[in-house]
Amino acid sequence: MLLALLGGVPALAAQPAQTGASARYVCSDGRAIEVIYGGGVAVITVDGATSQLARAPSADGERYIGNGWQWWSKATRSGTLARLAEGKDVASGGTTCRAP
């Protein structure tokens, strides 16, 4: 475990959002996804695969990126799921997803 530079306090790594708020969405491309929010991360399940995404800067809503995905949510009622191009940290386009 890494030690913080000041005071020898262990640095805390981002923990998976295992007990946060959970939401399900149906996307305009026919996908159904689940997102678990908590601890500055979002864990998404898309096409049967689970990925942990870290919170990223956003002017509006909450945006998460990681493992080639971007999830940009507006509260927990809707969001946009998009693939990140290699080497990019902001996606354009994507599919709109809404809570049923």
Protein backbone atom coordinates (compact mmCIF):
# COMPACT_ATOMS: atom_id res chain seq x y z
CA MET A 1 0.00 0.00 0.00
CA LEU A 2 1.27 3.46 -0.83
CA LEU A 3 1.89 5.89 1.98
CA ALA A 4 0.83 9.50 1.67
CA LEU A 5 3.71 11.93 1.73
CA LEU A 6 2.44 13.77 4.76
CA GLY A 7 2.12 11.97 8.06
CA GLY A 8 2.60 8.42 6.77
CA VAL A 9 -1.15 7.91 6.37
CA PRO A 10 -2.06 5.15 3.88
CA ALA A 11 -3.46 6.55 0.63
CA LEU A 12 -6.97 5.35 -0.18
CA ALA A 13 -7.56 3.82 -3.60
CA ALA A 14 -10.93 4.17 -5.31
CA GLN A 15 -13.06 1.30 -4.13
CA PRO A 16 -15.59 -0.49 -6.33
CA ALA A 17 -19.12 0.79 -5.89
CA GLN A 18 -20.54 -2.40 -4.42
CA THR A 19 -23.03 -0.86 -2.02
CA GLY A 20 -23.99 2.41 -3.74
CA ALA A 21 -27.19 3.41 -5.44
CA SER A 22 -28.15 1.12 -8.31
CA ALA A 23 -30.12 2.05 -11.42
CA ARG A 24 -31.24 0.18 -14.53
CA TYR A 25 -31.63 1.79 -17.93
CA VAL A 26 -33.02 0.87 -21.33
CA CYS A 27 -31.06 2.44 -24.19
CA SER A 28 -32.29 3.65 -27.57
CA ASP A 29 -30.09 1.00 -29.28
CA GLY A 30 -31.95 -1.79 -27.43
CA ARG A 31 -29.35 -2.46 -24.73
CA ALA A 32 -30.33 -2.79 -21.10
CA ILE A 33 -27.64 -1.64 -18.67
CA GLU A 34 -27.19 -1.50 -14.92
CA VAL A 35 -25.14 1.14 -13.13
CA ILE A 36 -24.04 1.10 -9.48
CA TYR A 37 -22.87 4.49 -8.18
CA GLY A 38 -20.67 5.09 -5.15
CA GLY A 39 -17.29 6.23 -3.89
CA GLY A 40 -16.52 8.37 -6.96
CA VAL A 41 -16.96 5.46 -9.35
CA ALA A 42 -19.71 3.90 -11.41
CA VAL A 43 -19.76 0.18 -12.13
CA ILE A 44 -21.60 -0.53 -15.37
CA THR A 45 -22.81 -3.82 -16.76
CA VAL A 46 -23.17 -3.68 -20.55
CA ASP A 47 -23.60 -6.69 -22.86
CA GLY A 48 -22.92 -9.03 -19.93
CA ALA A 49 -19.54 -7.44 -19.08
CA THR A 50 -18.89 -5.33 -15.98
CA SER A 51 -16.53 -2.32 -16.00
CA GLN A 52 -15.53 0.13 -13.30
CA LEU A 53 -15.47 3.76 -14.43
CA ALA A 54 -13.92 6.70 -12.58
CA ARG A 55 -15.60 10.08 -12.20
CA ALA A 56 -14.36 12.57 -14.80
CA PRO A 57 -14.74 16.34 -15.17
CA SER A 58 -18.12 17.47 -16.48
CA ALA A 59 -19.83 20.84 -16.90
CA ASP A 60 -23.26 19.21 -16.55
CA GLY A 61 -24.33 15.98 -14.86
CA GLU A 62 -21.94 13.26 -13.73
CA ARG A 63 -19.51 11.74 -16.20
CA TYR A 64 -17.57 8.51 -15.70
CA ILE A 65 -14.90 6.98 -17.95
CA GLY A 66 -12.88 3.77 -18.05
CA ASN A 67 -12.31 0.51 -19.89
CA GLY A 68 -13.26 2.12 -23.21
CA TRP A 69 -16.63 3.44 -21.98
CA GLN A 70 -18.12 6.80 -21.06
CA TRP A 71 -21.31 7.01 -18.99
CA TRP A 72 -22.70 10.54 -18.68
CA SER A 73 -25.74 10.69 -16.44
CA LYS A 74 -28.32 13.34 -15.73
CA ALA A 75 -29.50 12.48 -12.21
CA THR A 76 -30.48 8.80 -12.15
CA ARG A 77 -33.31 9.07 -14.69
CA SER A 78 -31.27 9.18 -17.90
CA GLY A 79 -27.78 9.14 -19.34
CA THR A 80 -25.68 8.60 -22.44
CA LEU A 81 -23.52 5.53 -23.01
CA ALA A 82 -20.68 5.87 -25.51
CA ARG A 83 -17.52 4.04 -26.54
CA LEU A 84 -14.30 5.99 -26.03
CA ALA A 85 -11.96 6.13 -29.01
CA GLU A 86 -8.47 4.87 -28.22
CA GLY A 87 -6.38 7.59 -26.60
CA LYS A 88 -9.42 9.82 -25.93
CA ASP A 89 -11.04 10.69 -22.62
CA VAL A 90 -14.21 12.31 -24.02
CA ALA A 91 -16.61 10.50 -26.34
CA SER A 92 -18.86 12.08 -28.89
CA GLY A 93 -22.27 10.71 -29.70
CA GLY A 94 -23.50 7.58 -27.96
CA THR A 95 -26.86 6.09 -27.17
CA THR A 96 -29.45 7.68 -24.89
CA CYS A 97 -30.57 5.53 -21.96
CA ARG A 98 -33.56 6.08 -19.68
CA ALA A 99 -34.78 4.52 -16.48
CA PRO A 100 -37.95 2.51 -17.18
